[in-house]
Protein backbone atom coordinates (compact mmCIF):
# COMPACT_ATOMS: atom_id res chain seq x y z
CA MET A 1 14.30 -12.73 -8.46
CA LYS A 2 12.86 -14.88 -11.38
CA GLU A 3 9.95 -13.87 -13.45
CA ASN A 4 7.92 -16.89 -12.28
CA ASP A 5 8.86 -16.30 -8.57
CA PRO A 6 5.76 -15.22 -6.33
CA ARG A 7 5.96 -11.63 -5.47
CA PRO A 8 5.62 -10.55 -1.78
CA ILE A 9 2.02 -9.13 -0.93
CA PRO A 10 1.63 -5.43 -0.97
CA ARG A 11 0.78 -3.83 2.32
CA LEU A 12 -0.06 -0.58 4.12
CA ARG A 13 3.63 -0.41 5.37
CA HIS A 14 4.49 0.22 1.79
CA VAL A 15 2.50 3.39 1.51
CA LYS A 16 3.68 6.78 2.46
CA PRO A 17 1.55 9.55 4.18
CA GLY A 18 -0.23 11.65 1.71
CA GLN A 19 -0.58 8.91 -0.92
CA HIS A 20 -3.79 7.33 -2.03
CA VAL A 21 -4.42 3.41 -1.70
CA MET A 22 -7.23 1.05 -1.87
CA LEU A 23 -7.43 -1.47 1.00
CA ALA A 24 -7.82 -5.22 -0.21
CA HIS A 25 -11.15 -5.61 1.37
CA GLU A 26 -12.62 -2.33 0.23
CA ALA A 27 -13.54 -0.55 -2.98
CA LYS A 28 -12.89 2.96 -1.67
CA LEU A 29 -9.89 5.02 -2.56
CA ARG A 30 -8.51 6.48 0.78
CA LYS A 31 -5.45 8.75 1.48
CA LEU A 32 -3.28 7.87 4.13
CA ILE A 33 -2.98 10.67 6.59
CA CYS A 34 -0.10 9.56 8.89
CA THR A 35 1.47 6.42 10.45
CA ASP A 36 3.07 5.20 13.67
CA ASP A 37 4.86 2.34 14.56
CA LYS A 38 1.91 -0.27 14.15
CA TYR A 39 -0.96 1.76 12.47
CA GLY A 40 -1.83 3.92 9.47
CA TYR A 41 -4.60 6.45 9.93
CA PHE A 42 -7.20 7.46 7.36
CA ASP A 43 -10.07 9.82 7.77
CA GLY A 44 -12.20 7.77 10.14
CA LEU A 45 -10.29 4.73 9.92
CA LYS A 46 -7.19 3.10 11.77
CA ALA A 47 -5.47 0.01 9.98
CA CYS A 48 -2.45 -2.15 10.75
CA LEU A 49 0.40 -1.63 8.75
CA CYS A 50 0.17 -5.25 7.77
CA THR A 51 -3.07 -4.73 6.01
CA GLU A 52 -3.05 -5.88 2.56
CA VAL A 53 -3.63 -3.26 -0.36
CA ARG A 54 -4.88 -3.82 -3.70
CA THR A 55 -2.19 -4.01 -6.56
CA GLY A 56 -3.98 -1.85 -9.06
CA LEU A 57 -2.53 1.48 -7.73
CA MET A 58 0.89 -0.10 -6.62
CA GLN A 59 3.97 -1.29 -8.46
CA PHE A 60 6.69 -3.59 -7.81
CA GLY A 61 10.31 -4.30 -8.95
CA ASP A 62 13.33 -2.21 -9.99
CA GLY A 63 14.95 -3.22 -6.74
CA ALA A 64 12.51 -0.80 -4.64
CA GLY A 65 9.90 -3.37 -3.74
CA TRP A 66 6.28 -2.28 -3.54
CA ARG A 67 5.52 1.33 -3.87
CA VAL A 68 2.49 3.45 -4.84
CA LYS A 69 2.28 4.11 -8.79
CA GLU A 70 3.32 7.78 -9.52
CA PRO A 71 0.47 9.97 -11.57
CA ALA A 72 1.26 9.89 -15.36
């Protein structure tokens, strides 16, 4: 992939249960509780795994695609 190639969009399917993420349409940090084949479950919220997430807490590259940034 070249540096100027567009990146794929980070989605909820890239997040593992127990990790924190911010959905693209929200400004609230949420912890993913669990997932099934189609949905991710948060406290009081069910979201499709194709829901976009904000890139601020995500990192891309190194052959691993999108993933949640590990705390420093």
